[in-house]
Amino acid sequence: MKMNNVIVGTAFVFGLGGAYLVKNMENFREYLDKTYGRKVMDGVGYFGGALQLGAVVAVSRGWLKNTDPVYHAISLVGSAGLLGTAYYHNALAPVLVNIIWMGMNTVGIIEGVSNQQAIVGMTTPKNYVPA
């Protein structure tokens, strides 16, 4: 799988999704307010922030690598939480930043899984060249 295709595809999907969210912001915000309310939406943001910080701590402490799909998955969920609360509060700059961050994490997950599959393929005994 070519990474350039993954990057372009991810940018396209997240770009269209972000544009759709912004275009229909008032309807979605009204739905979120009626269904969950401010306390829940703020809680989603705090939880997302905690996950983001946890992911950064895990990398800085050496528990995870910044190329690890687990790091990117934790960061993706954290970004989604931060996106939700930023969106709810009509903070468009953090919405944009978190959409970009989520796209980067999605590429990181795909790239990390692809690299792991390549390593498994290279280390499978049937792929060894006899000496």
N, C-alpha and C. Protein backbone atom coordinates (compact mmCIF):
# COMPACT_ATOMS: atom_id res chain seq x y z
N MET A 1 0.85 -1.18 0.00
CA MET A 1 0.00 0.00 0.00
C MET A 1 0.89 1.23 0.00
N LYS A 2 0.67 2.10 -0.93
CA LYS A 2 1.46 3.33 -1.00
C LYS A 2 0.98 4.32 0.05
N MET A 3 1.93 4.85 0.81
CA MET A 3 1.58 5.78 1.87
C MET A 3 1.01 7.08 1.32
N ASN A 4 1.47 7.51 0.16
CA ASN A 4 0.93 8.75 -0.42
C ASN A 4 -0.56 8.61 -0.67
N ASN A 5 -1.01 7.45 -1.15
CA ASN A 5 -2.43 7.22 -1.36
C ASN A 5 -3.20 7.26 -0.04
N VAL A 6 -2.60 6.69 1.00
CA VAL A 6 -3.24 6.70 2.31
C VAL A 6 -3.37 8.13 2.83
N ILE A 7 -2.32 8.90 2.68
CA ILE A 7 -2.33 10.29 3.16
C ILE A 7 -3.37 11.11 2.40
N VAL A 8 -3.39 10.99 1.08
CA VAL A 8 -4.35 11.75 0.27
C VAL A 8 -5.77 11.31 0.59
N GLY A 9 -5.99 10.00 0.70
CA GLY A 9 -7.32 9.48 1.02
C GLY A 9 -7.80 9.94 2.39
N THR A 10 -6.91 9.89 3.37
CA THR A 10 -7.27 10.32 4.72
C THR A 10 -7.58 11.81 4.74
N ALA A 11 -6.76 12.61 4.06
CA ALA A 11 -7.02 14.05 4.00
C ALA A 11 -8.37 14.33 3.34
N PHE A 12 -8.68 13.58 2.30
CA PHE A 12 -9.95 13.75 1.60
C PHE A 12 -11.13 13.42 2.52
N VAL A 13 -11.06 12.26 3.18
CA VAL A 13 -12.16 11.83 4.05
C VAL A 13 -12.34 12.79 5.22
N PHE A 14 -11.24 13.13 5.90
CA PHE A 14 -11.35 14.02 7.05
C PHE A 14 -11.71 15.45 6.61
N GLY A 15 -11.24 15.86 5.45
CA GLY A 15 -11.60 17.19 4.93
C GLY A 15 -13.09 17.29 4.63
N LEU A 16 -13.62 16.28 3.94
CA LEU A 16 -15.06 16.28 3.65
C LEU A 16 -15.88 16.16 4.93
N GLY A 17 -15.44 15.27 5.82
CA GLY A 17 -16.15 15.12 7.09
C GLY A 17 -16.15 16.40 7.90
N GLY A 18 -15.01 17.07 7.95
CA GLY A 18 -14.92 18.33 8.68
C GLY A 18 -15.78 19.41 8.07
N ALA A 19 -15.78 19.49 6.75
CA ALA A 19 -16.62 20.48 6.07
C ALA A 19 -18.10 20.22 6.35
N TYR A 20 -18.49 18.95 6.34
CA TYR A 20 -19.87 18.59 6.63
C TYR A 20 -20.26 18.97 8.06
N LEU A 21 -19.36 18.69 9.01
CA LEU A 21 -19.63 19.05 10.40
C LEU A 21 -19.80 20.56 10.58
N VAL A 22 -18.91 21.32 9.96
CA VAL A 22 -18.98 22.79 10.10
C VAL A 22 -20.23 23.33 9.42
N LYS A 23 -20.56 22.79 8.25
CA LYS A 23 -21.75 23.26 7.52
C LYS A 23 -23.03 23.02 8.33
N ASN A 24 -23.09 21.91 9.05
CA ASN A 24 -24.29 21.56 9.81
C ASN A 24 -24.11 21.75 11.31
N MET A 25 -23.24 22.66 11.69
CA MET A 25 -22.86 22.84 13.08
C MET A 25 -24.05 23.14 13.99
N GLU A 26 -24.90 24.03 13.62
CA GLU A 26 -26.02 24.40 14.49
C GLU A 26 -26.93 23.22 14.77
N ASN A 27 -27.24 22.44 13.74
CA ASN A 27 -28.11 21.26 13.94
C ASN A 27 -27.45 20.24 14.86
N PHE A 28 -26.17 19.98 14.64
CA PHE A 28 -25.46 19.01 15.46
C PHE A 28 -25.32 19.51 16.90
N ARG A 29 -25.00 20.78 17.06
CA ARG A 29 -24.85 21.34 18.41
C ARG A 29 -26.17 21.26 19.17
N GLU A 30 -27.27 21.56 18.49
CA GLU A 30 -28.59 21.46 19.12
C GLU A 30 -28.87 20.02 19.55
N TYR A 31 -28.55 19.06 18.68
CA TYR A 31 -28.74 17.65 19.00
C TYR A 31 -27.88 17.24 20.20
N LEU A 32 -26.61 17.64 20.20
CA LEU A 32 -25.71 17.29 21.30
C LEU A 32 -26.19 17.89 22.61
N ASP A 33 -26.67 19.14 22.55
CA ASP A 33 -27.14 19.80 23.76
C ASP A 33 -28.37 19.11 24.32
N LYS A 34 -29.32 18.77 23.47
CA LYS A 34 -30.55 18.11 23.92
C LYS A 34 -30.29 16.69 24.40
N THR A 35 -29.41 15.99 23.71
CA THR A 35 -29.17 14.58 24.02
C THR A 35 -28.22 14.40 25.20
N TYR A 36 -27.15 15.19 25.26
CA TYR A 36 -26.11 14.96 26.28
C TYR A 36 -25.95 16.11 27.26
N GLY A 37 -26.09 17.32 26.82
CA GLY A 37 -25.94 18.47 27.71
C GLY A 37 -24.49 18.89 27.86
N ARG A 38 -24.34 20.05 28.46
CA ARG A 38 -23.01 20.66 28.58
C ARG A 38 -22.06 19.85 29.45
N LYS A 39 -22.55 19.31 30.57
CA LYS A 39 -21.66 18.57 31.47
C LYS A 39 -21.05 17.35 30.79
N VAL A 40 -21.85 16.60 30.08
CA VAL A 40 -21.34 15.42 29.38
C VAL A 40 -20.36 15.83 28.29
N MET A 41 -20.71 16.84 27.51
CA MET A 41 -19.83 17.27 26.43
C MET A 41 -18.51 17.81 26.97
N ASP A 42 -18.55 18.52 28.09
CA ASP A 42 -17.30 18.96 28.71
C ASP A 42 -16.51 17.75 29.23
N GLY A 43 -17.21 16.78 29.79
CA GLY A 43 -16.56 15.56 30.26
C GLY A 43 -15.86 14.82 29.14
N VAL A 44 -16.49 14.79 27.98
CA VAL A 44 -15.88 14.16 26.80
C VAL A 44 -14.56 14.86 26.47
N GLY A 45 -14.56 16.17 26.57
CA GLY A 45 -13.33 16.93 26.30
C GLY A 45 -12.26 16.67 27.33
N TYR A 46 -12.62 16.64 28.60
CA TYR A 46 -11.63 16.35 29.65
C TYR A 46 -11.05 14.94 29.48
N PHE A 47 -11.90 13.97 29.16
CA PHE A 47 -11.44 12.61 28.94
C PHE A 47 -10.50 12.55 27.73
N GLY A 48 -10.88 13.25 26.66
CA GLY A 48 -10.03 13.30 25.47
C GLY A 48 -8.68 13.93 25.77
N GLY A 49 -8.70 15.01 26.55
CA GLY A 49 -7.44 15.65 26.93
C GLY A 49 -6.57 14.73 27.77
N ALA A 50 -7.19 13.98 28.68
CA ALA A 50 -6.44 13.03 29.51
C ALA A 50 -5.81 11.94 28.64
N LEU A 51 -6.56 11.46 27.65
CA LEU A 51 -6.00 10.45 26.75
C LEU A 51 -4.83 11.01 25.94
N GLN A 52 -4.99 12.23 25.45
CA GLN A 52 -3.90 12.86 24.69
C GLN A 52 -2.65 13.00 25.57
N LEU A 53 -2.84 13.49 26.77
CA LEU A 53 -1.70 13.63 27.68
C LEU A 53 -1.10 12.27 28.01
N GLY A 54 -1.96 11.27 28.22
CA GLY A 54 -1.48 9.92 28.50
C GLY A 54 -0.64 9.37 27.36
N ALA A 55 -1.07 9.62 26.13
CA ALA A 55 -0.32 9.15 24.96
C ALA A 55 1.06 9.81 24.91
N VAL A 56 1.11 11.10 25.17
CA VAL A 56 2.38 11.83 25.15
C VAL A 56 3.29 11.35 26.29
N VAL A 57 2.73 11.14 27.46
CA VAL A 57 3.52 10.62 28.58
C VAL A 57 4.07 9.23 28.25
N ALA A 58 3.24 8.38 27.64
CA ALA A 58 3.68 7.02 27.29
C ALA A 58 4.86 7.06 26.33
N VAL A 59 4.85 8.00 25.39
CA VAL A 59 5.97 8.12 24.46
C VAL A 59 7.19 8.71 25.17
N SER A 60 6.98 9.76 25.95
CA SER A 60 8.12 10.42 26.60
C SER A 60 8.78 9.52 27.64
N ARG A 61 8.03 8.61 28.25
CA ARG A 61 8.58 7.67 29.23
C ARG A 61 9.15 6.41 28.58
N GLY A 62 8.95 6.27 27.27
CA GLY A 62 9.48 5.10 26.58
C GLY A 62 8.58 3.88 26.64
N TRP A 63 7.37 4.04 27.13
CA TRP A 63 6.44 2.90 27.21
C TRP A 63 5.91 2.55 25.83
N LEU A 64 5.79 3.55 24.97
CA LEU A 64 5.36 3.37 23.59
C LEU A 64 6.28 4.18 22.69
N LYS A 65 6.35 3.78 21.43
CA LYS A 65 7.08 4.58 20.45
C LYS A 65 6.07 5.48 19.73
N ASN A 66 6.56 6.60 19.22
CA ASN A 66 5.64 7.51 18.52
C ASN A 66 5.18 6.96 17.18
N THR A 67 5.71 5.83 16.77
CA THR A 67 5.26 5.16 15.55
C THR A 67 4.36 3.97 15.85
N ASP A 68 4.11 3.70 17.12
CA ASP A 68 3.31 2.56 17.53
C ASP A 68 1.83 2.81 17.24
N PRO A 69 1.15 1.85 16.60
CA PRO A 69 -0.30 2.03 16.35
C PRO A 69 -1.11 2.23 17.63
N VAL A 70 -0.65 1.67 18.75
CA VAL A 70 -1.37 1.86 20.02
C VAL A 70 -1.32 3.33 20.44
N TYR A 71 -0.15 3.94 20.30
CA TYR A 71 -0.03 5.38 20.59
C TYR A 71 -1.00 6.18 19.73
N HIS A 72 -1.01 5.88 18.44
CA HIS A 72 -1.88 6.62 17.53
C HIS A 72 -3.36 6.37 17.83
N ALA A 73 -3.71 5.17 18.24
CA ALA A 73 -5.11 4.86 18.58
C ALA A 73 -5.55 5.65 19.81
N ILE A 74 -4.69 5.68 20.84
CA ILE A 74 -5.02 6.44 22.05
C ILE A 74 -5.15 7.92 21.71
N SER A 75 -4.22 8.43 20.93
CA SER A 75 -4.24 9.83 20.53
C SER A 75 -5.46 10.15 19.66
N LEU A 76 -5.85 9.21 18.79
CA LEU A 76 -7.03 9.40 17.94
C LEU A 76 -8.30 9.54 18.78
N VAL A 77 -8.46 8.67 19.76
CA VAL A 77 -9.65 8.75 20.62
C VAL A 77 -9.61 10.03 21.45
N GLY A 78 -8.42 10.40 21.94
CA GLY A 78 -8.28 11.65 22.69
C GLY A 78 -8.63 12.86 21.83
N SER A 79 -8.15 12.86 20.59
CA SER A 79 -8.47 13.96 19.68
C SER A 79 -9.96 14.04 19.39
N ALA A 80 -10.59 12.87 19.29
CA ALA A 80 -12.04 12.85 19.03
C ALA A 80 -12.79 13.49 20.20
N GLY A 81 -12.34 13.22 21.43
CA GLY A 81 -12.98 13.83 22.59
C GLY A 81 -12.78 15.34 22.62
N LEU A 82 -11.56 15.77 22.33
CA LEU A 82 -11.29 17.20 22.28
C LEU A 82 -12.06 17.86 21.15
N LEU A 83 -12.16 17.17 20.02
CA LEU A 83 -12.94 17.69 18.90
C LEU A 83 -14.40 17.86 19.30
N GLY A 84 -14.95 16.86 19.98
CA GLY A 84 -16.35 16.92 20.39
C GLY A 84 -16.66 18.13 21.25
N THR A 85 -15.83 18.37 22.25
CA THR A 85 -16.11 19.51 23.14
C THR A 85 -15.82 20.84 22.45
N ALA A 86 -14.79 20.89 21.60
CA ALA A 86 -14.51 22.13 20.86
C ALA A 86 -15.66 22.44 19.91
N TYR A 87 -16.16 21.42 19.26
CA TYR A 87 -17.28 21.56 18.33
C TYR A 87 -18.52 22.05 19.08
N TYR A 88 -18.78 21.43 20.21
CA TYR A 88 -19.95 21.80 21.02
C TYR A 88 -19.90 23.27 21.43
N HIS A 89 -18.69 23.76 21.75
CA HIS A 89 -18.53 25.14 22.19
C HIS A 89 -18.24 26.10 21.04
N ASN A 90 -18.38 25.63 19.80
CA ASN A 90 -18.22 26.46 18.61
C ASN A 90 -16.82 27.08 18.52
N ALA A 91 -15.82 26.31 18.92
CA ALA A 91 -14.43 26.77 18.86
C ALA A 91 -13.80 26.18 17.59
N LEU A 92 -13.90 26.90 16.50
CA LEU A 92 -13.53 26.35 15.20
C LEU A 92 -12.03 26.09 15.04
N ALA A 93 -11.17 26.90 15.65
CA ALA A 93 -9.73 26.65 15.52
C ALA A 93 -9.35 25.29 16.13
N PRO A 94 -9.77 24.98 17.37
CA PRO A 94 -9.47 23.65 17.91
C PRO A 94 -10.17 22.53 17.14
N VAL A 95 -11.32 22.80 16.57
CA VAL A 95 -11.99 21.80 15.74
C VAL A 95 -11.07 21.44 14.57
N LEU A 96 -10.56 22.45 13.88
CA LEU A 96 -9.68 22.21 12.74
C LEU A 96 -8.42 21.47 13.16
N VAL A 97 -7.80 21.91 14.24
CA VAL A 97 -6.57 21.27 14.71
C VAL A 97 -6.82 19.79 15.04
N ASN A 98 -7.93 19.50 15.69
CA ASN A 98 -8.20 18.11 16.06
C ASN A 98 -8.61 17.25 14.87
N ILE A 99 -9.24 17.83 13.88
CA ILE A 99 -9.52 17.07 12.65
C ILE A 99 -8.20 16.71 11.98
N ILE A 100 -7.28 17.64 11.91
CA ILE A 100 -5.97 17.37 11.32
C ILE A 100 -5.24 16.31 12.15
N TRP A 101 -5.25 16.48 13.46
CA TRP A 101 -4.57 15.53 14.35
C TRP A 101 -5.16 14.12 14.20
N MET A 102 -6.47 14.04 14.08
CA MET A 102 -7.12 12.73 13.90
C MET A 102 -6.70 12.12 12.57
N GLY A 103 -6.59 12.93 11.53
CA GLY A 103 -6.11 12.42 10.25
C GLY A 103 -4.70 11.90 10.35
N MET A 104 -3.83 12.64 11.04
CA MET A 104 -2.45 12.20 11.22
C MET A 104 -2.39 10.89 11.99
N ASN A 105 -3.22 10.76 13.01
CA ASN A 105 -3.24 9.51 13.78
C ASN A 105 -3.77 8.35 12.95
N THR A 106 -4.75 8.62 12.11
CA THR A 106 -5.27 7.56 11.24
C THR A 106 -4.17 7.06 10.31
N VAL A 107 -3.44 7.99 9.71
CA VAL A 107 -2.32 7.59 8.85
C VAL A 107 -1.28 6.82 9.67
N GLY A 108 -1.00 7.28 10.87
CA GLY A 108 -0.04 6.59 11.74
C GLY A 108 -0.47 5.17 12.07
N ILE A 109 -1.75 4.97 12.30
CA ILE A 109 -2.25 3.62 12.59
C ILE A 109 -2.07 2.73 11.35
N ILE A 110 -2.50 3.23 10.21
CA ILE A 110 -2.39 2.44 8.97
C ILE A 110 -0.92 2.16 8.65
N GLU A 111 -0.09 3.16 8.77
CA GLU A 111 1.33 2.99 8.49
C GLU A 111 1.97 2.02 9.48
N GLY A 112 1.63 2.14 10.75
CA GLY A 112 2.19 1.26 11.77
C GLY A 112 1.77 -0.18 11.57
N VAL A 113 0.51 -0.40 11.27
CA VAL A 113 0.02 -1.76 11.03
C VAL A 113 0.67 -2.31 9.76
N SER A 114 0.79 -1.50 8.72
CA SER A 114 1.44 -1.95 7.48
C SER A 114 2.89 -2.33 7.73
N ASN A 115 3.60 -1.53 8.52
CA ASN A 115 5.00 -1.84 8.83
C ASN A 115 5.11 -3.11 9.65
N GLN A 116 4.19 -3.32 10.59
CA GLN A 116 4.22 -4.55 11.39
C GLN A 116 3.98 -5.77 10.51
N GLN A 117 3.05 -5.66 9.57
CA GLN A 117 2.78 -6.78 8.66
C GLN A 117 4.00 -7.06 7.79
N ALA A 118 4.70 -6.03 7.37
CA ALA A 118 5.90 -6.21 6.55
C ALA A 118 6.98 -6.92 7.35
N ILE A 119 7.14 -6.55 8.63
CA ILE A 119 8.15 -7.19 9.48
C ILE A 119 7.80 -8.66 9.70
N VAL A 120 6.53 -8.94 9.95
CA VAL A 120 6.10 -10.33 10.12
C VAL A 120 6.39 -11.12 8.85
N GLY A 121 6.10 -10.53 7.70
CA GLY A 121 6.37 -11.20 6.43
C GLY A 121 7.85 -11.48 6.22
N MET A 122 8.70 -10.55 6.64
CA MET A 122 10.14 -10.73 6.46
C MET A 122 10.71 -11.76 7.43
N THR A 123 10.06 -11.94 8.58
CA THR A 123 10.60 -12.85 9.59
C THR A 123 9.91 -14.20 9.62
N THR A 124 8.99 -14.45 8.70
CA THR A 124 8.34 -15.75 8.61
C THR A 124 9.34 -16.74 8.03
N PRO A 125 9.56 -17.89 8.68
CA PRO A 125 10.57 -18.86 8.21
C PRO A 125 10.42 -19.26 6.75
N LYS A 126 9.21 -19.36 6.24
CA LYS A 126 9.05 -19.79 4.84
C LYS A 126 9.58 -18.75 3.85
N ASN A 127 9.80 -17.52 4.31
CA ASN A 127 10.33 -16.49 3.43
C ASN A 127 11.85 -16.38 3.45
N TYR A 128 12.49 -17.21 4.28
CA TYR A 128 13.95 -17.18 4.32
C TYR A 128 14.51 -17.78 3.04
N VAL A 129 15.61 -17.23 2.60
CA VAL A 129 16.32 -17.78 1.44
C VAL A 129 17.33 -18.80 1.98
N PRO A 130 17.26 -20.06 1.49
CA PRO A 130 18.21 -21.05 2.02
C PRO A 130 19.64 -20.70 1.65
N ALA A 131 20.54 -20.95 2.57
CA ALA A 131 21.95 -20.62 2.36
C ALA A 131 22.69 -21.72 1.64
